[in-house]
Amino acid sequence: MPRPLRIAPAGVCFHVLNRGNNRKPLFRKEADYAAFLAILAHAVERFEVDLFCWCLMPNHWHLVLRPRTDVALSRFMAWLSITHVRRHHGHYPSFSGHLYQGRFKSFPVEADEYFLAVCRYVEANPLRATLAMPAEGWPWSSLWESHNHCEPGTRPKLSEWPVDRPRDWAGVVNEAMDDGQRQHIQSCLRRDCPFGSKRWAGRIAGRLKLTQTLKPIGRPRKPLKSLSARQRRRREEESRQIGR
């Protein structure tokens, strides 16, 4: 029985990622990257999605996009993944097992400074992995494409961003990202948690039944009155340390 389509509301931006099974390479040579880009370009033309930025890494890839219908994202991703798997198996007949680790990961992104942060995170991947310095030196990303002004039709069609892009965008991408912001994005990736302002995240989480992802990980702390005297003193000391 086929899996039900994931509902991704039209007009909401999403960060999407998938990895090779057991983190094994998805792309072994330049022709593999180019073949995936051709498939991605076809998918963008075929389905109702707006693609804003992307980055292909040796064992995973990132996309930032916006579906124009509630089912467009699921259909787009299903076609993209299946077509890529078929191409890979046809090109590497001795390959056995699953190419991908599973279904794609995704989380909704608020279309303001949070959108810029996610695009910056995506396009800085080669820099963090020390595959390129500067980041626009990595040829398998939308940053390289925009920096080199590629001819139309040679890469996936990119849509106009929902927010103004800073003039020196490449410079912004190459700046070190705040650790807290980077960790927040990575947490959203792991948990499918909305990335945006508290009010927006709460609203979209309720709409997509993701409210649980907004809750802290781990067991809740015991009420103060249920602790022993020693435990209460330790808790109070921790609170004083945090308040300094």
C-alpha atoms as a PDB file:
ATOM      1  CA  MET A   1       0.000   0.000   0.000  1.00  0.00           C
ATOM      2  CA  PRO A   2       1.522   3.369  -0.999  1.00  0.00           C
ATOM      3  CA  ARG A   3       2.395   5.823   1.728  1.00  0.00           C
ATOM      4  CA  PRO A   4       0.023   8.775   2.121  1.00  0.00           C
ATOM      5  CA  LEU A   5       1.192  12.064   0.657  1.00  0.00           C
ATOM      6  CA  ARG A   6       2.690  14.522   3.104  1.00  0.00           C
ATOM      7  CA  ILE A   7       0.656  17.693   3.171  1.00  0.00           C
ATOM      8  CA  ALA A   8       2.838  20.766   2.703  1.00  0.00           C
ATOM      9  CA  PRO A   9       0.671  23.903   2.501  1.00  0.00           C
ATOM     10  CA  ALA A  10       0.870  25.880  -0.711  1.00  0.00           C
ATOM     11  CA  GLY A  11       2.830  29.084  -0.297  1.00  0.00           C
ATOM     12  CA  VAL A  12       4.934  27.888   2.664  1.00  0.00           C
ATOM     13  CA  CYS A  13       8.702  27.603   2.167  1.00  0.00           C
ATOM     14  CA  PHE A  14      10.431  24.325   3.082  1.00  0.00           C
ATOM     15  CA  HIS A  15      13.970  23.143   3.563  1.00  0.00           C
ATOM     16  CA  VAL A  16      14.314  19.600   2.191  1.00  0.00           C
ATOM     17  CA  LEU A  17      17.182  17.162   2.629  1.00  0.00           C
ATOM     18  CA  ASN A  18      17.990  13.546   1.884  1.00  0.00           C
ATOM     19  CA  ARG A  19      21.106  11.466   2.482  1.00  0.00           C
ATOM     20  CA  GLY A  20      22.705   8.382   1.062  1.00  0.00           C
ATOM     21  CA  ASN A  21      21.951   5.180   2.952  1.00  0.00           C
ATOM     22  CA  ASN A  22      24.446   4.808   5.828  1.00  0.00           C
ATOM     23  CA  ARG A  23      25.836   8.162   4.645  1.00  0.00           C
ATOM     24  CA  LYS A  24      27.355   6.503   1.579  1.00  0.00           C
ATOM     25  CA  PRO A  25      28.070   8.661  -1.491  1.00  0.00           C
ATOM     26  CA  LEU A  26      25.224   9.628  -3.793  1.00  0.00           C
ATOM     27  CA  PHE A  27      27.607  11.208  -6.300  1.00  0.00           C
ATOM     28  CA  ARG A  28      30.911   9.565  -7.211  1.00  0.00           C
ATOM     29  CA  LYS A  29      31.951  11.716 -10.156  1.00  0.00           C
ATOM     30  CA  GLU A  30      31.003  14.910 -11.965  1.00  0.00           C
ATOM     31  CA  ALA A  31      28.647  13.052 -14.305  1.00  0.00           C
ATOM     32  CA  ASP A  32      26.598  11.903 -11.297  1.00  0.00           C
ATOM     33  CA  TYR A  33      26.146  15.478 -10.071  1.00  0.00           C
ATOM     34  CA  ALA A  34      25.229  16.639 -13.569  1.00  0.00           C
ATOM     35  CA  ALA A  35      22.713  13.814 -14.007  1.00  0.00           C
ATOM     36  CA  PHE A  36      20.963  14.693 -10.740  1.00  0.00           C
ATOM     37  CA  LEU A  37      20.802  18.361 -11.740  1.00  0.00           C
ATOM     38  CA  ALA A  38      19.174  17.389 -15.038  1.00  0.00           C
ATOM     39  CA  ILE A  39      16.580  15.350 -13.125  1.00  0.00           C
ATOM     40  CA  LEU A  40      16.038  18.220 -10.680  1.00  0.00           C
ATOM     41  CA  ALA A  41      15.590  20.700 -13.541  1.00  0.00           C
ATOM     42  CA  HIS A  42      12.986  18.418 -15.116  1.00  0.00           C
ATOM     43  CA  ALA A  43      11.169  18.032 -11.785  1.00  0.00           C
ATOM     44  CA  VAL A  44      10.988  21.811 -11.313  1.00  0.00           C
ATOM     45  CA  GLU A  45       9.416  22.173 -14.760  1.00  0.00           C
ATOM     46  CA  ARG A  46       7.064  19.233 -14.251  1.00  0.00           C
ATOM     47  CA  PHE A  47       5.656  20.020 -10.797  1.00  0.00           C
ATOM     48  CA  GLU A  48       4.199  23.097  -9.158  1.00  0.00           C
ATOM     49  CA  VAL A  49       7.116  24.135  -6.973  1.00  0.00           C
ATOM     50  CA  ASP A  50       9.312  27.218  -6.790  1.00  0.00           C
ATOM     51  CA  LEU A  51      12.976  26.351  -6.227  1.00  0.00           C
ATOM     52  CA  PHE A  52      15.033  29.036  -4.468  1.00  0.00           C
ATOM     53  CA  CYS A  53      18.396  27.449  -3.710  1.00  0.00           C
ATOM     54  CA  TRP A  54      20.102  24.067  -3.614  1.00  0.00           C
ATOM     55  CA  CYS A  55      23.393  22.375  -2.813  1.00  0.00           C
ATOM     56  CA  LEU A  56      24.614  18.895  -3.724  1.00  0.00           C
ATOM     57  CA  MET A  57      27.172  17.313  -1.415  1.00  0.00           C
ATOM     58  CA  PRO A  58      28.900  13.948  -1.937  1.00  0.00           C
ATOM     59  CA  ASN A  59      26.460  11.999   0.270  1.00  0.00           C
ATOM     60  CA  HIS A  60      23.452  14.314   0.630  1.00  0.00           C
ATOM     61  CA  TRP A  61      21.659  17.279  -0.881  1.00  0.00           C
ATOM     62  CA  HIS A  62      19.651  20.294   0.252  1.00  0.00           C
ATOM     63  CA  LEU A  63      16.793  22.152  -1.445  1.00  0.00           C
ATOM     64  CA  VAL A  64      14.862  25.243  -0.364  1.00  0.00           C
ATOM     65  CA  LEU A  65      11.561  25.487  -2.179  1.00  0.00           C
ATOM     66  CA  ARG A  66       7.912  26.478  -1.986  1.00  0.00           C
ATOM     67  CA  PRO A  67       5.046  24.268  -3.248  1.00  0.00           C
ATOM     68  CA  ARG A  68       2.219  25.956  -5.115  1.00  0.00           C
ATOM     69  CA  THR A  69      -0.333  23.278  -4.133  1.00  0.00           C
ATOM     70  CA  ASP A  70      -0.753  21.261  -0.926  1.00  0.00           C
ATOM     71  CA  VAL A  71       0.420  18.008  -2.550  1.00  0.00           C
ATOM     72  CA  ALA A  72       3.067  19.397  -4.906  1.00  0.00           C
ATOM     73  CA  LEU A  73       6.006  18.851  -2.539  1.00  0.00           C
ATOM     74  CA  SER A  74       5.278  15.152  -1.980  1.00  0.00           C
ATOM     75  CA  ARG A  75       4.739  14.489  -5.682  1.00  0.00           C
ATOM     76  CA  PHE A  76       7.830  16.474  -6.631  1.00  0.00           C
ATOM     77  CA  MET A  77       9.999  14.601  -4.133  1.00  0.00           C
ATOM     78  CA  ALA A  78       8.607  11.178  -5.021  1.00  0.00           C
ATOM     79  CA  TRP A  79       9.322  11.698  -8.721  1.00  0.00           C
ATOM     80  CA  LEU A  80      12.758  13.221  -8.077  1.00  0.00           C
ATOM     81  CA  SER A  81      13.861  10.396  -5.776  1.00  0.00           C
ATOM     82  CA  ILE A  82      12.495   7.522  -7.866  1.00  0.00           C
ATOM     83  CA  THR A  83      13.939   8.925 -11.090  1.00  0.00           C
ATOM     84  CA  HIS A  84      17.332   9.447  -9.490  1.00  0.00           C
ATOM     85  CA  VAL A  85      17.382   5.935  -7.992  1.00  0.00           C
ATOM     86  CA  ARG A  86      16.545   4.405 -11.391  1.00  0.00           C
ATOM     87  CA  ARG A  87      19.281   6.410 -13.081  1.00  0.00           C
ATOM     88  CA  HIS A  88      21.798   5.432 -10.392  1.00  0.00           C
ATOM     89  CA  HIS A  89      20.974   1.718 -10.550  1.00  0.00           C
ATOM     90  CA  GLY A  90      21.111   1.804 -14.337  1.00  0.00           C
ATOM     91  CA  HIS A  91      24.516   3.479 -14.269  1.00  0.00           C
ATOM     92  CA  TYR A  92      25.903   1.301 -11.456  1.00  0.00           C
ATOM     93  CA  PRO A  93      24.384  -2.169 -12.065  1.00  0.00           C
ATOM     94  CA  SER A  94      26.552  -3.791  -9.388  1.00  0.00           C
ATOM     95  CA  PHE A  95      25.097  -1.502  -6.707  1.00  0.00           C
ATOM     96  CA  SER A  96      22.763  -3.289  -4.289  1.00  0.00           C
ATOM     97  CA  GLY A  97      20.578  -2.097  -1.443  1.00  0.00           C
ATOM     98  CA  HIS A  98      18.917   1.244  -0.865  1.00  0.00           C
ATOM     99  CA  LEU A  99      20.422   4.396  -2.324  1.00  0.00           C
ATOM    100  CA  TYR A 100      18.734   6.748   0.159  1.00  0.00           C
ATOM    101  CA  GLN A 101      18.490   6.472   3.933  1.00  0.00           C
ATOM    102  CA  GLY A 102      14.702   6.745   3.746  1.00  0.00           C
ATOM    103  CA  ARG A 103      12.070   9.359   3.081  1.00  0.00           C
ATOM    104  CA  PHE A 104      13.241  12.912   2.724  1.00  0.00           C
ATOM    105  CA  LYS A 105      13.491  15.225   5.736  1.00  0.00           C
ATOM    106  CA  SER A 106      11.783  18.604   5.603  1.00  0.00           C
ATOM    107  CA  PHE A 107      10.760  21.500   7.792  1.00  0.00           C
ATOM    108  CA  PRO A 108       8.768  24.689   7.113  1.00  0.00           C
ATOM    109  CA  VAL A 109      10.573  28.030   7.090  1.00  0.00           C
ATOM    110  CA  GLU A 110       9.166  31.490   7.723  1.00  0.00           C
ATOM    111  CA  ALA A 111       9.687  33.725   4.674  1.00  0.00           C
ATOM    112  CA  ASP A 112      11.737  36.525   6.260  1.00  0.00           C
ATOM    113  CA  GLU A 113      15.149  36.597   7.948  1.00  0.00           C
ATOM    114  CA  TYR A 114      14.651  32.917   8.803  1.00  0.00           C
ATOM    115  CA  PHE A 115      14.466  32.137   5.081  1.00  0.00           C
ATOM    116  CA  LEU A 116      17.750  33.984   4.528  1.00  0.00           C
ATOM    117  CA  ALA A 117      19.375  32.053   7.375  1.00  0.00           C
ATOM    118  CA  VAL A 118      18.345  28.694   5.887  1.00  0.00           C
ATOM    119  CA  CYS A 119      19.537  29.620   2.383  1.00  0.00           C
ATOM    120  CA  ARG A 120      22.819  30.792   3.863  1.00  0.00           C
ATOM    121  CA  TYR A 121      23.139  27.515   5.791  1.00  0.00           C
ATOM    122  CA  VAL A 122      22.452  25.479   2.634  1.00  0.00           C
ATOM    123  CA  GLU A 123      24.853  27.328   0.359  1.00  0.00           C
ATOM    124  CA  ALA A 124      27.620  27.372   2.999  1.00  0.00           C
ATOM    125  CA  ASN A 125      27.706  23.553   3.185  1.00  0.00           C
ATOM    126  CA  PRO A 126      30.826  23.182   0.980  1.00  0.00           C
ATOM    127  CA  LEU A 127      32.609  25.773   3.123  1.00  0.00           C
ATOM    128  CA  ARG A 128      31.827  23.958   6.390  1.00  0.00           C
ATOM    129  CA  ALA A 129      32.902  20.654   4.829  1.00  0.00           C
ATOM    130  CA  THR A 130      36.132  22.273   3.531  1.00  0.00           C
ATOM    131  CA  LEU A 131      35.239  21.238  -0.019  1.00  0.00           C
ATOM    132  CA  ALA A 132      35.551  24.799  -1.280  1.00  0.00           C
ATOM    133  CA  MET A 133      36.843  28.145  -0.110  1.00  0.00           C
ATOM    134  CA  PRO A 134      35.095  30.439  -0.799  1.00  0.00           C
ATOM    135  CA  ALA A 135      31.701  28.728  -0.859  1.00  0.00           C
ATOM    136  CA  GLU A 136      30.945  29.902  -4.413  1.00  0.00           C
ATOM    137  CA  GLY A 137      33.897  27.814  -5.586  1.00  0.00           C
ATOM    138  CA  TRP A 138      31.801  24.638  -5.218  1.00  0.00           C
ATOM    139  CA  PRO A 139      30.257  24.036  -8.673  1.00  0.00           C
ATOM    140  CA  TRP A 140      27.318  21.963  -7.415  1.00  0.00           C
ATOM    141  CA  SER A 141      25.352  24.687  -5.685  1.00  0.00           C
ATOM    142  CA  SER A 142      23.005  27.517  -6.575  1.00  0.00           C
ATOM    143  CA  LEU A 143      25.548  29.978  -5.129  1.00  0.00           C
ATOM    144  CA  TRP A 144      28.079  28.977  -7.776  1.00  0.00           C
ATOM    145  CA  GLU A 145      25.355  29.344 -10.395  1.00  0.00           C
ATOM    146  CA  SER A 146      24.349  32.865  -9.325  1.00  0.00           C
ATOM    147  CA  HIS A 147      27.985  33.934  -8.915  1.00  0.00           C
ATOM    148  CA  ASN A 148      28.933  32.716 -12.398  1.00  0.00           C
ATOM    149  CA  HIS A 149      25.744  33.835 -14.173  1.00  0.00           C
ATOM    150  CA  CYS A 150      25.024  30.506 -15.870  1.00  0.00           C
ATOM    151  CA  GLU A 151      23.139  30.407 -19.126  1.00  0.00           C
ATOM    152  CA  PRO A 152      19.393  29.666 -18.758  1.00  0.00           C
ATOM    153  CA  GLY A 153      18.574  25.991 -19.253  1.00  0.00           C
ATOM    154  CA  THR A 154      21.897  24.614 -18.036  1.00  0.00           C
ATOM    155  CA  ARG A 155      20.769  24.345 -14.407  1.00  0.00           C
ATOM    156  CA  PRO A 156      17.429  24.005 -12.543  1.00  0.00           C
ATOM    157  CA  LYS A 157      15.298  27.126 -12.942  1.00  0.00           C
ATOM    158  CA  LEU A 158      15.378  29.269  -9.807  1.00  0.00           C
ATOM    159  CA  SER A 159      12.456  31.426  -8.700  1.00  0.00           C
ATOM    160  CA  GLU A 160      12.600  34.931  -7.293  1.00  0.00           C
ATOM    161  CA  TRP A 161      13.129  34.893  -3.552  1.00  0.00           C
ATOM    162  CA  PRO A 162      10.225  35.872  -1.280  1.00  0.00           C
ATOM    163  CA  VAL A 163      12.529  38.353   0.515  1.00  0.00           C
ATOM    164  CA  ASP A 164      15.224  40.721  -0.717  1.00  0.00           C
ATOM    165  CA  ARG A 165      18.605  39.061  -1.066  1.00  0.00           C
ATOM    166  CA  PRO A 166      21.495  41.070   0.437  1.00  0.00           C
ATOM    167  CA  ARG A 167      23.615  42.695  -2.266  1.00  0.00           C
ATOM    168  CA  ASP A 168      26.840  40.909  -1.268  1.00  0.00           C
ATOM    169  CA  TRP A 169      25.147  37.568  -0.743  1.00  0.00           C
ATOM    170  CA  ALA A 170      28.294  35.523  -1.410  1.00  0.00           C
ATOM    171  CA  GLY A 171      30.060  37.533   1.282  1.00  0.00           C
ATOM    172  CA  VAL A 172      27.233  36.817   3.727  1.00  0.00           C
ATOM    173  CA  VAL A 173      27.386  33.077   2.986  1.00  0.00           C
ATOM    174  CA  ASN A 174      31.142  33.019   3.571  1.00  0.00           C
ATOM    175  CA  GLU A 175      30.875  34.666   6.984  1.00  0.00           C
ATOM    176  CA  ALA A 176      30.925  32.317   9.975  1.00  0.00           C
ATOM    177  CA  MET A 177      27.369  31.560  11.073  1.00  0.00           C
ATOM    178  CA  ASP A 178      26.406  32.047  14.694  1.00  0.00           C
ATOM    179  CA  ASP A 179      26.652  28.683  16.479  1.00  0.00           C
ATOM    180  CA  GLY A 180      23.236  29.082  18.075  1.00  0.00           C
ATOM    181  CA  GLN A 181      21.539  29.739  14.748  1.00  0.00           C
ATOM    182  CA  ARG A 182      23.341  26.857  13.046  1.00  0.00           C
ATOM    183  CA  GLN A 183      22.403  24.469  15.841  1.00  0.00           C
ATOM    184  CA  HIS A 184      18.796  25.674  15.705  1.00  0.00           C
ATOM    185  CA  ILE A 185      18.603  24.855  11.989  1.00  0.00           C
ATOM    186  CA  GLN A 186      20.197  21.446  12.559  1.00  0.00           C
ATOM    187  CA  SER A 187      17.699  20.734  15.334  1.00  0.00           C
ATOM    188  CA  CYS A 188      14.852  21.611  12.964  1.00  0.00           C
ATOM    189  CA  LEU A 189      16.340  19.185  10.441  1.00  0.00           C
ATOM    190  CA  ARG A 190      16.428  16.356  12.954  1.00  0.00           C
ATOM    191  CA  ARG A 191      12.931  16.967  14.328  1.00  0.00           C
ATOM    192  CA  ASP A 192      11.014  18.388  11.304  1.00  0.00           C
ATOM    193  CA  CYS A 193      10.461  21.439  13.495  1.00  0.00           C
ATOM    194  CA  PRO A 194       9.249  24.762  11.978  1.00  0.00           C
ATOM    195  CA  PHE A 195      11.981  27.414  11.722  1.00  0.00           C
ATOM    196  CA  GLY A 196      10.657  30.896  12.359  1.00  0.00           C
ATOM    197  CA  SER A 197       9.386  33.302  14.975  1.00  0.00           C
ATOM    198  CA  LYS A 198       7.745  31.752  18.023  1.00  0.00           C
ATOM    199  CA  ARG A 199       4.278  32.921  16.965  1.00  0.00           C
ATOM    200  CA  TRP A 200       4.634  31.730  13.367  1.00  0.00           C
ATOM    201  CA  ALA A 201       6.193  28.401  14.393  1.00  0.00           C
ATOM    202  CA  GLY A 202       3.354  27.718  16.822  1.00  0.00           C
ATOM    203  CA  ARG A 203       0.720  28.486  14.214  1.00  0.00           C
ATOM    204  CA  ILE A 204       2.267  26.386  11.421  1.00  0.00           C
ATOM    205  CA  ALA A 205       3.079  23.539  13.833  1.00  0.00           C
ATOM    206  CA  GLY A 206      -0.576  23.346  14.829  1.00  0.00           C
ATOM    207  CA  ARG A 207      -1.625  23.369  11.186  1.00  0.00           C
ATOM    208  CA  LEU A 208       0.775  20.555  10.261  1.00  0.00           C
ATOM    209  CA  LYS A 209       0.383  18.576  13.509  1.00  0.00           C
ATOM    210  CA  LEU A 210       3.992  19.264  14.450  1.00  0.00           C
ATOM    211  CA  THR A 211       3.305  20.762  17.878  1.00  0.00           C
ATOM    212  CA  GLN A 212       5.272  17.977  19.581  1.00  0.00           C
ATOM    213  CA  THR A 213       8.422  19.057  17.722  1.00  0.00           C
ATOM    214  CA  LEU A 214       8.375  22.413  19.527  1.00  0.00           C
ATOM    215  CA  LYS A 215       8.656  20.807  22.951  1.00  0.00           C
ATOM    216  CA  PRO A 216      12.080  20.395  24.596  1.00  0.00           C
ATOM    217  CA  ILE A 217      13.705  16.994  24.223  1.00  0.00           C
ATOM    218  CA  GLY A 218      13.984  14.909  27.384  1.00  0.00           C
ATOM    219  CA  ARG A 219      11.989  14.316  30.525  1.00  0.00           C
ATOM    220  CA  PRO A 220      10.418  17.345  32.216  1.00  0.00           C
ATOM    221  CA  ARG A 221      12.045  18.505  35.431  1.00  0.00           C
ATOM    222  CA  LYS A 222      10.380  17.461  38.670  1.00  0.00           C
ATOM    223  CA  PRO A 223       8.441  20.137  40.571  1.00  0.00           C
ATOM    224  CA  LEU A 224      10.557  21.774  43.269  1.00  0.00           C
ATOM    225  CA  LYS A 225       8.264  20.621  46.089  1.00  0.00           C
ATOM    226  CA  SER A 226       8.755  16.937  45.150  1.00  0.00           C
ATOM    227  CA  LEU A 227      12.536  17.116  45.583  1.00  0.00           C
ATOM    228  CA  SER A 228      14.553  16.332  48.701  1.00  0.00           C
ATOM    229  CA  ALA A 229      16.166  19.196  50.621  1.00  0.00           C
ATOM    230  CA  ARG A 230      19.527  18.383  49.038  1.00  0.00           C
ATOM    231  CA  GLN A 231      18.057  18.286  45.537  1.00  0.00           C
ATOM    232  CA  ARG A 232      16.271  21.612  46.144  1.00  0.00           C
ATOM    233  CA  ARG A 233      19.527  23.255  47.243  1.00  0.00           C
ATOM    234  CA  ARG A 234      21.257  21.943  44.117  1.00  0.00           C
ATOM    235  CA  ARG A 235      18.430  23.210  41.886  1.00  0.00           C
ATOM    236  CA  GLU A 236      18.548  26.637  43.547  1.00  0.00           C
ATOM    237  CA  GLU A 237      22.322  26.811  43.080  1.00  0.00           C
ATOM    238  CA  GLU A 238      21.936  25.945  39.383  1.00  0.00           C
ATOM    239  CA  SER A 239      19.386  28.738  39.028  1.00  0.00           C
ATOM    240  CA  ARG A 240      21.758  31.243  40.636  1.00  0.00           C
ATOM    241  CA  GLN A 241      24.582  30.173  38.318  1.00  0.00           C
ATOM    242  CA  ILE A 242      22.378  30.616  35.236  1.00  0.00           C
ATOM    243  CA  GLY A 243      21.267  34.035  36.439  1.00  0.00           C
ATOM    244  CA  ARG A 244      24.830  35.378  36.631  1.00  0.00           C
END
